[in-house]
Amino acid sequence: MVPALAFDVLLGNLPAAVTEDLLPGLDGIAFRTAVLALDPGTDLGRLLDRFDVRHVTELRPDDFRPRQPGRSVVVRIARRDPA
């Protein structure tokens, strides 16, 4: 469903496993910038040849109500301009 939609900014605070499953399909989603909450151990290296990835902040379990079980990192993912 997500690839059928176009976004300027894609925001996501889904469970980490769901978000990680979406990462390989980012090339097929029309967006300018994505801001996603991920598990701190998520490997974003596979995106670096096509996207600029920047760390925004870290979220602690107490930042959520109800409290979440672990930490998350928020990253900004933007498409690179074709060279």
C-alpha atoms as a PDB file:
ATOM      1  CA  MET A   1       0.000   0.000   0.000  1.00  0.00           C
ATOM      2  CA  VAL A   2       2.752   2.514   0.896  1.00  0.00           C
ATOM      3  CA  PRO A   3       4.477   2.418  -2.541  1.00  0.00           C
ATOM      4  CA  ALA A   4       1.188   3.428  -4.176  1.00  0.00           C
ATOM      5  CA  LEU A   5       1.175   6.752  -2.291  1.00  0.00           C
ATOM      6  CA  ALA A   6       3.360   9.836  -2.831  1.00  0.00           C
ATOM      7  CA  PHE A   7       4.714  11.829   0.110  1.00  0.00           C
ATOM      8  CA  ASP A   8       6.679  15.016   0.567  1.00  0.00           C
ATOM      9  CA  VAL A   9       7.629  14.033   4.113  1.00  0.00           C
ATOM     10  CA  LEU A  10       7.133  10.491   5.370  1.00  0.00           C
ATOM     11  CA  LEU A  11       6.922  10.234   9.181  1.00  0.00           C
ATOM     12  CA  GLY A  12       7.068   6.928  10.984  1.00  0.00           C
ATOM     13  CA  ASN A  13       6.947   5.752  14.575  1.00  0.00           C
ATOM     14  CA  LEU A  14       5.960   2.169  13.893  1.00  0.00           C
ATOM     15  CA  PRO A  15       7.297  -0.792  15.853  1.00  0.00           C
ATOM     16  CA  ALA A  16      10.978  -1.243  14.994  1.00  0.00           C
ATOM     17  CA  ALA A  17      10.472  -4.564  13.200  1.00  0.00           C
ATOM     18  CA  VAL A  18       7.833  -3.039  10.893  1.00  0.00           C
ATOM     19  CA  THR A  19       9.985  -0.020  10.062  1.00  0.00           C
ATOM     20  CA  GLU A  20      13.029  -2.201   9.382  1.00  0.00           C
ATOM     21  CA  ASP A  21      10.945  -4.268   6.953  1.00  0.00           C
ATOM     22  CA  LEU A  22      10.101  -1.048   5.052  1.00  0.00           C
ATOM     23  CA  LEU A  23      13.724   0.085   4.632  1.00  0.00           C
ATOM     24  CA  PRO A  24      14.579  -2.157   1.643  1.00  0.00           C
ATOM     25  CA  GLY A  25      11.546  -0.769  -0.218  1.00  0.00           C
ATOM     26  CA  LEU A  26      12.344   2.928   0.229  1.00  0.00           C
ATOM     27  CA  ASP A  27      13.493   3.176  -3.398  1.00  0.00           C
ATOM     28  CA  GLY A  28       9.956   2.339  -4.502  1.00  0.00           C
ATOM     29  CA  ILE A  29       8.245   4.977  -2.340  1.00  0.00           C
ATOM     30  CA  ALA A  30       7.832   8.528  -3.671  1.00  0.00           C
ATOM     31  CA  PHE A  31       9.060  10.832  -0.882  1.00  0.00           C
ATOM     32  CA  ARG A  32      11.477  13.736  -0.484  1.00  0.00           C
ATOM     33  CA  THR A  33      12.375  13.190   3.173  1.00  0.00           C
ATOM     34  CA  ALA A  34      11.546  10.492   5.710  1.00  0.00           C
ATOM     35  CA  VAL A  35      11.795  10.880   9.471  1.00  0.00           C
ATOM     36  CA  LEU A  36      11.703   7.479  11.131  1.00  0.00           C
ATOM     37  CA  ALA A  37      12.091   6.061  14.636  1.00  0.00           C
ATOM     38  CA  LEU A  38      14.273   2.948  14.541  1.00  0.00           C
ATOM     39  CA  ASP A  39      16.015   0.507  16.818  1.00  0.00           C
ATOM     40  CA  PRO A  40      19.500   1.889  17.652  1.00  0.00           C
ATOM     41  CA  GLY A  41      21.098  -1.202  16.093  1.00  0.00           C
ATOM     42  CA  THR A  42      19.421  -0.836  12.701  1.00  0.00           C
ATOM     43  CA  ASP A  43      21.951  -1.114   9.859  1.00  0.00           C
ATOM     44  CA  LEU A  44      21.417   1.922   7.631  1.00  0.00           C
ATOM     45  CA  GLY A  45      24.633   1.408   5.680  1.00  0.00           C
ATOM     46  CA  ARG A  46      22.779  -0.199   2.782  1.00  0.00           C
ATOM     47  CA  LEU A  47      20.968   3.117   2.180  1.00  0.00           C
ATOM     48  CA  LEU A  48      24.003   5.400   2.068  1.00  0.00           C
ATOM     49  CA  ASP A  49      24.649   5.084  -1.667  1.00  0.00           C
ATOM     50  CA  ARG A  50      21.150   6.419  -2.489  1.00  0.00           C
ATOM     51  CA  PHE A  51      20.112   8.470   0.549  1.00  0.00           C
ATOM     52  CA  ASP A  52      21.560  10.989   2.974  1.00  0.00           C
ATOM     53  CA  VAL A  53      20.985   9.610   6.488  1.00  0.00           C
ATOM     54  CA  ARG A  54      21.313  11.867   9.529  1.00  0.00           C
ATOM     55  CA  HIS A  55      20.805  11.143  13.212  1.00  0.00           C
ATOM     56  CA  VAL A  56      18.199  13.519  14.702  1.00  0.00           C
ATOM     57  CA  THR A  57      17.830  12.393  18.329  1.00  0.00           C
ATOM     58  CA  GLU A  58      17.557   9.439  20.660  1.00  0.00           C
ATOM     59  CA  LEU A  59      14.313   8.539  22.413  1.00  0.00           C
ATOM     60  CA  ARG A  60      14.413   6.913  25.840  1.00  0.00           C
ATOM     61  CA  PRO A  61      11.748   4.516  27.136  1.00  0.00           C
ATOM     62  CA  ASP A  62      10.401   7.233  29.467  1.00  0.00           C
ATOM     63  CA  ASP A  63       9.775   9.564  26.504  1.00  0.00           C
ATOM     64  CA  PHE A  64       6.617   7.552  25.741  1.00  0.00           C
ATOM     65  CA  ARG A  65       3.325   6.987  27.524  1.00  0.00           C
ATOM     66  CA  PRO A  66       2.886   4.147  28.012  1.00  0.00           C
ATOM     67  CA  ARG A  67       6.605   3.562  28.500  1.00  0.00           C
ATOM     68  CA  GLN A  68       8.172   1.653  25.621  1.00  0.00           C
ATOM     69  CA  PRO A  69      10.455  -1.321  26.306  1.00  0.00           C
ATOM     70  CA  GLY A  70      13.648   0.098  24.777  1.00  0.00           C
ATOM     71  CA  ARG A  71      15.441   3.040  23.219  1.00  0.00           C
ATOM     72  CA  SER A  72      14.862   4.325  19.681  1.00  0.00           C
ATOM     73  CA  VAL A  73      16.791   6.648  17.417  1.00  0.00           C
ATOM     74  CA  VAL A  74      15.154   9.154  15.099  1.00  0.00           C
ATOM     75  CA  VAL A  75      16.801   9.522  11.707  1.00  0.00           C
ATOM     76  CA  ARG A  76      16.181  11.760   8.721  1.00  0.00           C
ATOM     77  CA  ILE A  77      16.500  10.018   5.364  1.00  0.00           C
ATOM     78  CA  ALA A  78      16.574  12.196   2.243  1.00  0.00           C
ATOM     79  CA  ARG A  79      16.984  11.210  -1.376  1.00  0.00           C
ATOM     80  CA  ARG A  80      20.308  12.116  -2.922  1.00  0.00           C
ATOM     81  CA  ASP A  81      20.161  14.236  -6.053  1.00  0.00           C
ATOM     82  CA  PRO A  82      21.089  12.125  -9.059  1.00  0.00           C
ATOM     83  CA  ALA A  83      24.623  12.972 -10.158  1.00  0.00           C
END
